[in-house]
């Protein structure tokens, strides 16, 4: 379990550095940027469990995973267009 926590949280360290740098470039205070990030993270936890369970009830676990893959792909496409 500890190894999985380390593996899945590894991107947080460089991601935090990049996030801080971009927030400073945009003129956003770090506290406000991290507050918004934590709010979005907590909202995802709250809504994700409910929506994932609802999708699993409707079409099985595969529907939940396919929906998540579609959301990730959409985010990747948006980020590539913006960057």
PDB file of N, CA and C in Angstrom:
ATOM      1  N   UNK A   1       0.824  -1.192   0.000  1.00  0.00           N
ATOM      2  CA  UNK A   1       0.000   0.000   0.000  1.00  0.00           C
ATOM      3  C   UNK A   1       0.870   1.258   0.000  1.00  0.00           C
ATOM      4  N   UNK A   2       1.941   1.257   0.758  1.00  0.00           N
ATOM      5  CA  UNK A   2       2.803   2.441   0.814  1.00  0.00           C
ATOM      6  C   UNK A   2       3.460   2.666  -0.544  1.00  0.00           C
ATOM      7  N   UNK A   3       3.880   1.612  -1.209  1.00  0.00           N
ATOM      8  CA  UNK A   3       4.499   1.751  -2.524  1.00  0.00           C
ATOM      9  C   UNK A   3       3.520   2.362  -3.525  1.00  0.00           C
ATOM     10  N   UNK A   4       2.259   1.963  -3.454  1.00  0.00           N
ATOM     11  CA  UNK A   4       1.251   2.530  -4.355  1.00  0.00           C
ATOM     12  C   UNK A   4       1.056   4.017  -4.066  1.00  0.00           C
ATOM     13  N   UNK A   5       1.053   4.401  -2.792  1.00  0.00           N
ATOM     14  CA  UNK A   5       0.920   5.821  -2.448  1.00  0.00           C
ATOM     15  C   UNK A   5       2.078   6.622  -3.011  1.00  0.00           C
ATOM     16  N   UNK A   6       3.272   6.093  -2.898  1.00  0.00           N
ATOM     17  CA  UNK A   6       4.449   6.792  -3.424  1.00  0.00           C
ATOM     18  C   UNK A   6       4.362   6.884  -4.945  1.00  0.00           C
ATOM     19  N   UNK A   7       3.987   5.810  -5.599  1.00  0.00           N
ATOM     20  CA  UNK A   7       3.933   5.789  -7.062  1.00  0.00           C
ATOM     21  C   UNK A   7       2.890   6.762  -7.603  1.00  0.00           C
ATOM     22  N   UNK A   8       1.724   6.806  -6.987  1.00  0.00           N
ATOM     23  CA  UNK A   8       0.663   7.657  -7.507  1.00  0.00           C
ATOM     24  C   UNK A   8       0.827   9.121  -7.120  1.00  0.00           C
ATOM     25  N   UNK A   9       1.587   9.404  -6.067  1.00  0.00           N
ATOM     26  CA  UNK A   9       1.787  10.788  -5.643  1.00  0.00           C
ATOM     27  C   UNK A   9       3.092  11.383  -6.146  1.00  0.00           C
ATOM     28  N   UNK A  10       3.878  10.634  -6.895  1.00  0.00           N
ATOM     29  CA  UNK A  10       5.154  11.122  -7.406  1.00  0.00           C
ATOM     30  C   UNK A  10       5.004  12.368  -8.283  1.00  0.00           C
ATOM     31  N   UNK A  11       4.012  12.466  -9.153  1.00  0.00           N
ATOM     32  CA  UNK A  11       3.895  13.672  -9.983  1.00  0.00           C
ATOM     33  C   UNK A  11       3.542  14.936  -9.201  1.00  0.00           C
ATOM     34  N   UNK A  12       3.138  14.801  -7.950  1.00  0.00           N
ATOM     35  CA  UNK A  12       2.742  15.983  -7.193  1.00  0.00           C
ATOM     36  C   UNK A  12       3.905  16.932  -6.938  1.00  0.00           C
ATOM     37  N   UNK A  13       5.105  16.415  -6.732  1.00  0.00           N
ATOM     38  CA  UNK A  13       6.241  17.290  -6.420  1.00  0.00           C
ATOM     39  C   UNK A  13       6.606  18.177  -7.610  1.00  0.00           C
ATOM     40  N   UNK A  14       6.917  17.626  -8.788  1.00  0.00           N
ATOM     41  CA  UNK A  14       7.205  18.528  -9.904  1.00  0.00           C
ATOM     42  C   UNK A  14       5.967  19.304 -10.348  1.00  0.00           C
ATOM     43  N   UNK A  15       4.804  18.722 -10.192  1.00  0.00           N
ATOM     44  CA  UNK A  15       3.575  19.421 -10.562  1.00  0.00           C
ATOM     45  C   UNK A  15       3.348  20.648  -9.693  1.00  0.00           C
ATOM     46  N   UNK A  16       3.665  20.541  -8.413  1.00  0.00           N
ATOM     47  CA  UNK A  16       3.518  21.679  -7.512  1.00  0.00           C
ATOM     48  C   UNK A  16       4.468  22.800  -7.890  1.00  0.00           C
ATOM     49  N   UNK A  17       5.690  22.442  -8.251  1.00  0.00           N
ATOM     50  CA  UNK A  17       6.664  23.456  -8.671  1.00  0.00           C
ATOM     51  C   UNK A  17       6.187  24.164  -9.938  1.00  0.00           C
ATOM     52  N   UNK A  18       5.739  23.400 -10.921  1.00  0.00           N
ATOM     53  CA  UNK A  18       5.249  23.997 -12.160  1.00  0.00           C
ATOM     54  C   UNK A  18       4.004  24.854 -11.924  1.00  0.00           C
ATOM     55  N   UNK A  19       3.132  24.366 -11.074  1.00  0.00           N
ATOM     56  CA  UNK A  19       1.918  25.101 -10.759  1.00  0.00           C
ATOM     57  C   UNK A  19       2.247  26.432 -10.086  1.00  0.00           C
ATOM     58  N   UNK A  20       3.176  26.418  -9.138  1.00  0.00           N
ATOM     59  CA  UNK A  20       3.580  27.643  -8.453  1.00  0.00           C
ATOM     60  C   UNK A  20       4.199  28.635  -9.426  1.00  0.00           C
ATOM     61  N   UNK A  21       5.044  28.153 -10.294  1.00  0.00           N
ATOM     62  CA  UNK A  21       5.702  29.025 -11.275  1.00  0.00           C
ATOM     63  C   UNK A  21       4.681  29.675 -12.205  1.00  0.00           C
ATOM     64  N   UNK A  22       3.737  28.907 -12.699  1.00  0.00           N
ATOM     65  CA  UNK A  22       2.733  29.451 -13.617  1.00  0.00           C
ATOM     66  C   UNK A  22       1.779  30.409 -12.901  1.00  0.00           C
ATOM     67  N   UNK A  23       1.468  30.134 -11.646  1.00  0.00           N
ATOM     68  CA  UNK A  23       0.611  31.052 -10.885  1.00  0.00           C
ATOM     69  C   UNK A  23       1.312  32.392 -10.693  1.00  0.00           C
ATOM     70  N   UNK A  24       2.611  32.353 -10.411  1.00  0.00           N
ATOM     71  CA  UNK A  24       3.371  33.596 -10.255  1.00  0.00           C
ATOM     72  C   UNK A  24       3.451  34.361 -11.570  1.00  0.00           C
ATOM     73  N   UNK A  25       3.632  33.660 -12.687  1.00  0.00           N
ATOM     74  CA  UNK A  25       3.673  34.319 -13.998  1.00  0.00           C
ATOM     75  C   UNK A  25       2.346  35.000 -14.315  1.00  0.00           C
ATOM     76  N   UNK A  26       1.249  34.382 -13.899  1.00  0.00           N
ATOM     77  CA  UNK A  26      -0.077  34.928 -14.178  1.00  0.00           C
ATOM     78  C   UNK A  26      -0.460  36.038 -13.197  1.00  0.00           C
ATOM     79  N   UNK A  27       0.374  36.265 -12.189  1.00  0.00           N
ATOM     80  CA  UNK A  27       0.091  37.313 -11.207  1.00  0.00           C
ATOM     81  C   UNK A  27      -0.909  36.899 -10.145  1.00  0.00           C
ATOM     82  N   UNK A  28      -1.067  35.598  -9.951  1.00  0.00           N
ATOM     83  CA  UNK A  28      -1.997  35.084  -8.944  1.00  0.00           C
ATOM     84  C   UNK A  28      -1.202  34.746  -7.688  1.00  0.00           C
ATOM     85  N   UNK A  29      -1.715  35.156  -6.542  1.00  0.00           N
ATOM     86  CA  UNK A  29      -1.035  34.828  -5.297  1.00  0.00           C
ATOM     87  C   UNK A  29      -1.055  33.320  -5.088  1.00  0.00           C
ATOM     88  N   UNK A  30       0.038  32.819  -4.513  1.00  0.00           N
ATOM     89  CA  UNK A  30       0.151  31.370  -4.311  1.00  0.00           C
ATOM     90  C   UNK A  30      -0.971  30.823  -3.444  1.00  0.00           C
ATOM     91  N   UNK A  31      -1.303  31.545  -2.368  1.00  0.00           N
ATOM     92  CA  UNK A  31      -2.342  31.059  -1.458  1.00  0.00           C
ATOM     93  C   UNK A  31      -3.680  30.921  -2.176  1.00  0.00           C
ATOM     94  N   UNK A  32      -4.010  31.873  -3.015  1.00  0.00           N
ATOM     95  CA  UNK A  32      -5.265  31.817  -3.766  1.00  0.00           C
ATOM     96  C   UNK A  32      -5.237  30.670  -4.772  1.00  0.00           C
ATOM     97  N   UNK A  33      -4.117  30.490  -5.447  1.00  0.00           N
ATOM     98  CA  UNK A  33      -3.992  29.412  -6.433  1.00  0.00           C
ATOM     99  C   UNK A  33      -4.108  28.042  -5.769  1.00  0.00           C
ATOM    100  N   UNK A  34      -3.420  27.851  -4.641  1.00  0.00           N
ATOM    101  CA  UNK A  34      -3.493  26.558  -3.962  1.00  0.00           C
ATOM    102  C   UNK A  34      -4.855  26.334  -3.320  1.00  0.00           C
ATOM    103  N   UNK A  35      -5.498  27.406  -2.871  1.00  0.00           N
ATOM    104  CA  UNK A  35      -6.852  27.278  -2.329  1.00  0.00           C
ATOM    105  C   UNK A  35      -7.828  26.808  -3.404  1.00  0.00           C
ATOM    106  N   UNK A  36      -7.718  27.395  -4.592  1.00  0.00           N
ATOM    107  CA  UNK A  36      -8.583  26.986  -5.703  1.00  0.00           C
ATOM    108  C   UNK A  36      -8.305  25.535  -6.097  1.00  0.00           C
ATOM    109  N   UNK A  37      -7.036  25.154  -6.083  1.00  0.00           N
ATOM    110  CA  UNK A  37      -6.678  23.773  -6.415  1.00  0.00           C
ATOM    111  C   UNK A  37      -7.248  22.795  -5.401  1.00  0.00           C
ATOM    112  N   UNK A  38      -7.123  23.117  -4.123  1.00  0.00           N
ATOM    113  CA  UNK A  38      -7.664  22.230  -3.089  1.00  0.00           C
ATOM    114  C   UNK A  38      -9.182  22.142  -3.163  1.00  0.00           C
ATOM    115  N   UNK A  39      -9.846  23.252  -3.504  1.00  0.00           N
ATOM    116  CA  UNK A  39     -11.300  23.225  -3.665  1.00  0.00           C
ATOM    117  C   UNK A  39     -11.692  22.311  -4.827  1.00  0.00           C
ATOM    118  N   UNK A  40     -10.977  22.428  -5.943  1.00  0.00           N
ATOM    119  CA  UNK A  40     -11.276  21.578  -7.096  1.00  0.00           C
ATOM    120  C   UNK A  40     -11.001  20.114  -6.778  1.00  0.00           C
ATOM    121  N   UNK A  41      -9.912  19.853  -6.054  1.00  0.00           N
ATOM    122  CA  UNK A  41      -9.554  18.479  -5.687  1.00  0.00           C
ATOM    123  C   UNK A  41     -10.647  17.882  -4.800  1.00  0.00           C
ATOM    124  N   UNK A  42     -11.083  18.630  -3.778  1.00  0.00           N
ATOM    125  CA  UNK A  42     -12.110  18.131  -2.858  1.00  0.00           C
ATOM    126  C   UNK A  42     -13.439  17.935  -3.584  1.00  0.00           C
ATOM    127  N   UNK A  43     -13.768  18.843  -4.506  1.00  0.00           N
ATOM    128  CA  UNK A  43     -15.005  18.696  -5.277  1.00  0.00           C
ATOM    129  C   UNK A  43     -14.962  17.439  -6.137  1.00  0.00           C
ATOM    130  N   UNK A  44     -13.793  17.146  -6.686  1.00  0.00           N
ATOM    131  CA  UNK A  44     -13.637  15.935  -7.482  1.00  0.00           C
ATOM    132  C   UNK A  44     -13.829  14.672  -6.660  1.00  0.00           C
ATOM    133  N   UNK A  45     -13.293  14.681  -5.439  1.00  0.00           N
ATOM    134  CA  UNK A  45     -13.508  13.532  -4.559  1.00  0.00           C
ATOM    135  C   UNK A  45     -14.981  13.361  -4.217  1.00  0.00           C
ATOM    136  N   UNK A  46     -15.660  14.474  -3.937  1.00  0.00           N
ATOM    137  CA  UNK A  46     -17.070  14.400  -3.545  1.00  0.00           C
ATOM    138  C   UNK A  46     -17.950  13.950  -4.708  1.00  0.00           C
ATOM    139  N   UNK A  47     -17.766  14.549  -5.858  1.00  0.00           N
ATOM    140  CA  UNK A  47     -18.612  14.219  -7.003  1.00  0.00           C
ATOM    141  C   UNK A  47     -18.172  12.929  -7.684  1.00  0.00           C
ATOM    142  N   UNK A  48     -16.875  12.638  -7.674  1.00  0.00           N
ATOM    143  CA  UNK A  48     -16.358  11.472  -8.381  1.00  0.00           C
ATOM    144  C   UNK A  48     -16.887  10.156  -7.853  1.00  0.00           C
ATOM    145  N   UNK A  49     -16.970  10.025  -6.537  1.00  0.00           N
ATOM    146  CA  UNK A  49     -17.474   8.779  -5.966  1.00  0.00           C
ATOM    147  C   UNK A  49     -18.936   8.567  -6.339  1.00  0.00           C
ATOM    148  N   UNK A  50     -19.715   9.614  -6.257  1.00  0.00           N
ATOM    149  CA  UNK A  50     -21.133   9.516  -6.594  1.00  0.00           C
ATOM    150  C   UNK A  50     -21.329   9.194  -8.078  1.00  0.00           C
ATOM    151  N   UNK A  51     -20.645   9.969  -8.948  1.00  0.00           N
ATOM    152  CA  UNK A  51     -20.813   9.754 -10.390  1.00  0.00           C
ATOM    153  C   UNK A  51     -20.263   8.409 -10.845  1.00  0.00           C
ATOM    154  N   UNK A  52     -19.119   8.018 -10.287  1.00  0.00           N
ATOM    155  CA  UNK A  52     -18.549   6.721 -10.636  1.00  0.00           C
ATOM    156  C   UNK A  52     -19.461   5.573 -10.234  1.00  0.00           C
ATOM    157  N   UNK A  53     -20.041   5.675  -9.052  1.00  0.00           N
ATOM    158  CA  UNK A  53     -20.972   4.643  -8.602  1.00  0.00           C
ATOM    159  C   UNK A  53     -22.229   4.599  -9.444  1.00  0.00           C
ATOM    160  N   UNK A  54     -22.725   5.781  -9.823  1.00  0.00           N
ATOM    161  CA  UNK A  54     -23.915   5.851 -10.666  1.00  0.00           C
ATOM    162  C   UNK A  54     -23.645   5.227 -12.038  1.00  0.00           C
ATOM    163  N   UNK A  55     -22.488   5.548 -12.623  1.00  0.00           N
ATOM    164  CA  UNK A  55     -22.145   4.966 -13.920  1.00  0.00           C
ATOM    165  C   UNK A  55     -21.946   3.458 -13.820  1.00  0.00           C
ATOM    166  N   UNK A  56     -21.345   3.004 -12.724  1.00  0.00           N
ATOM    167  CA  UNK A  56     -21.138   1.564 -12.542  1.00  0.00           C
ATOM    168  C   UNK A  56     -22.477   0.847 -12.404  1.00  0.00           C
ATOM    169  N   UNK A  57     -23.433   1.478 -11.736  1.00  0.00           N
ATOM    170  CA  UNK A  57     -24.760   0.868 -11.625  1.00  0.00           C
ATOM    171  C   UNK A  57     -25.466   0.803 -12.980  1.00  0.00           C
ATOM    172  N   UNK A  58     -25.246   1.826 -13.800  1.00  0.00           N
ATOM    173  CA  UNK A  58     -25.907   1.866 -15.104  1.00  0.00           C
ATOM    174  C   UNK A  58     -25.306   0.887 -16.114  1.00  0.00           C
ATOM    175  N   UNK A  59     -23.964   0.829 -16.167  1.00  0.00           N
ATOM    176  CA  UNK A  59     -23.357   0.023 -17.226  1.00  0.00           C
ATOM    177  C   UNK A  59     -22.179  -0.818 -16.799  1.00  0.00           C
ATOM    178  N   UNK A  60     -21.995  -1.017 -15.509  1.00  0.00           N
ATOM    179  CA  UNK A  60     -20.876  -1.813 -15.035  1.00  0.00           C
ATOM    180  C   UNK A  60     -19.619  -0.964 -14.858  1.00  0.00           C
ATOM    181  N   UNK A  61     -18.595  -1.593 -14.328  1.00  0.00           N
ATOM    182  CA  UNK A  61     -17.340  -0.886 -14.059  1.00  0.00           C
ATOM    183  C   UNK A  61     -16.693  -0.352 -15.330  1.00  0.00           C
ATOM    184  N   UNK A  62     -16.860  -1.060 -16.422  1.00  0.00           N
ATOM    185  CA  UNK A  62     -16.235  -0.626 -17.679  1.00  0.00           C
ATOM    186  C   UNK A  62     -16.726   0.753 -18.097  1.00  0.00           C
ATOM    187  N   UNK A  63     -17.988   1.051 -17.876  1.00  0.00           N
ATOM    188  CA  UNK A  63     -18.530   2.359 -18.237  1.00  0.00           C
ATOM    189  C   UNK A  63     -17.874   3.461 -17.403  1.00  0.00           C
ATOM    190  N   UNK A  64     -17.651   3.193 -16.133  1.00  0.00           N
ATOM    191  CA  UNK A  64     -16.971   4.176 -15.281  1.00  0.00           C
ATOM    192  C   UNK A  64     -15.566   4.453 -15.794  1.00  0.00           C
ATOM    193  N   UNK A  65     -14.826   3.408 -16.112  1.00  0.00           N
ATOM    194  CA  UNK A  65     -13.449   3.584 -16.585  1.00  0.00           C
ATOM    195  C   UNK A  65     -13.395   4.239 -17.964  1.00  0.00           C
ATOM    196  N   UNK A  66     -14.298   3.872 -18.834  1.00  0.00           N
ATOM    197  CA  UNK A  66     -14.332   4.497 -20.162  1.00  0.00           C
ATOM    198  C   UNK A  66     -14.701   5.975 -20.075  1.00  0.00           C
ATOM    199  N   UNK A  67     -15.616   6.307 -19.186  1.00  0.00           N
ATOM    200  CA  UNK A  67     -15.982   7.712 -18.994  1.00  0.00           C
ATOM    201  C   UNK A  67     -14.809   8.509 -18.459  1.00  0.00           C
ATOM    202  N   UNK A  68     -14.084   7.943 -17.511  1.00  0.00           N
ATOM    203  CA  UNK A  68     -12.910   8.620 -16.965  1.00  0.00           C
ATOM    204  C   UNK A  68     -11.833   8.788 -18.031  1.00  0.00           C
ATOM    205  N   UNK A  69     -11.649   7.781 -18.866  1.00  0.00           N
ATOM    206  CA  UNK A  69     -10.674   7.884 -19.954  1.00  0.00           C
ATOM    207  C   UNK A  69     -11.077   8.988 -20.933  1.00  0.00           C
ATOM    208  N   UNK A  70     -12.365   9.122 -21.203  1.00  0.00           N
ATOM    209  CA  UNK A  70     -12.840  10.177 -22.099  1.00  0.00           C
ATOM    210  C   UNK A  70     -12.599  11.557 -21.499  1.00  0.00           C
ATOM    211  N   UNK A  71     -12.828  11.700 -20.201  1.00  0.00           N
ATOM    212  CA  UNK A  71     -12.575  12.980 -19.525  1.00  0.00           C
ATOM    213  C   UNK A  71     -11.087  13.320 -19.573  1.00  0.00           C
ATOM    214  N   UNK A  72     -10.239  12.333 -19.321  1.00  0.00           N
ATOM    215  CA  UNK A  72      -8.789  12.561 -19.370  1.00  0.00           C
ATOM    216  C   UNK A  72      -8.338  12.939 -20.779  1.00  0.00           C
ATOM    217  N   UNK A  73      -8.860  12.279 -21.778  1.00  0.00           N
ATOM    218  CA  UNK A  73      -8.516  12.597 -23.163  1.00  0.00           C
ATOM    219  C   UNK A  73      -8.963  14.009 -23.534  1.00  0.00           C
ATOM    220  N   UNK A  74     -10.149  14.370 -23.111  1.00  0.00           N
ATOM    221  CA  UNK A  74     -10.648  15.720 -23.368  1.00  0.00           C
ATOM    222  C   UNK A  74      -9.761  16.769 -22.693  1.00  0.00           C
ATOM    223  N   UNK A  75      -9.374  16.513 -21.442  1.00  0.00           N
ATOM    224  CA  UNK A  75      -8.482  17.444 -20.740  1.00  0.00           C
ATOM    225  C   UNK A  75      -7.141  17.550 -21.454  1.00  0.00           C
ATOM    226  N   UNK A  76      -6.617  16.446 -21.933  1.00  0.00           N
ATOM    227  CA  UNK A  76      -5.351  16.459 -22.657  1.00  0.00           C
ATOM    228  C   UNK A  76      -5.463  17.282 -23.940  1.00  0.00           C
ATOM    229  N   UNK A  77      -6.547  17.112 -24.665  1.00  0.00           N
ATOM    230  CA  UNK A  77      -6.745  17.876 -25.894  1.00  0.00           C
ATOM    231  C   UNK A  77      -6.869  19.373 -25.615  1.00  0.00           C
ATOM    232  N   UNK A  78      -7.593  19.723 -24.569  1.00  0.00           N
ATOM    233  CA  UNK A  78      -7.740  21.137 -24.210  1.00  0.00           C
ATOM    234  C   UNK A  78      -6.386  21.723 -23.799  1.00  0.00           C
ATOM    235  N   UNK A  79      -5.648  20.981 -22.995  1.00  0.00           N
ATOM    236  CA  UNK A  79      -4.346  21.480 -22.530  1.00  0.00           C
ATOM    237  C   UNK A  79      -3.355  21.614 -23.677  1.00  0.00           C
ATOM    238  N   UNK A  80      -3.394  20.713 -24.639  1.00  0.00           N
ATOM    239  CA  UNK A  80      -2.469  20.808 -25.785  1.00  0.00           C
ATOM    240  C   UNK A  80      -2.826  22.014 -26.646  1.00  0.00           C
ATOM    241  N   UNK A  81      -4.097  22.324 -26.736  1.00  0.00           N
ATOM    242  CA  UNK A  81      -4.532  23.469 -27.538  1.00  0.00           C
ATOM    243  C   UNK A  81      -4.139  24.778 -26.852  1.00  0.00           C
ATOM    244  N   UNK A  82      -4.230  24.828 -25.532  1.00  0.00           N
ATOM    245  CA  UNK A  82      -3.909  26.038 -24.773  1.00  0.00           C
ATOM    246  C   UNK A  82      -2.406  26.270 -24.720  1.00  0.00           C
ATOM    247  N   UNK A  83      -1.652  25.200 -24.548  1.00  0.00           N
ATOM    248  CA  UNK A  83      -0.198  25.339 -24.370  1.00  0.00           C
ATOM    249  C   UNK A  83       0.527  25.632 -25.644  1.00  0.00           C
TER     250      UNK A  83
END
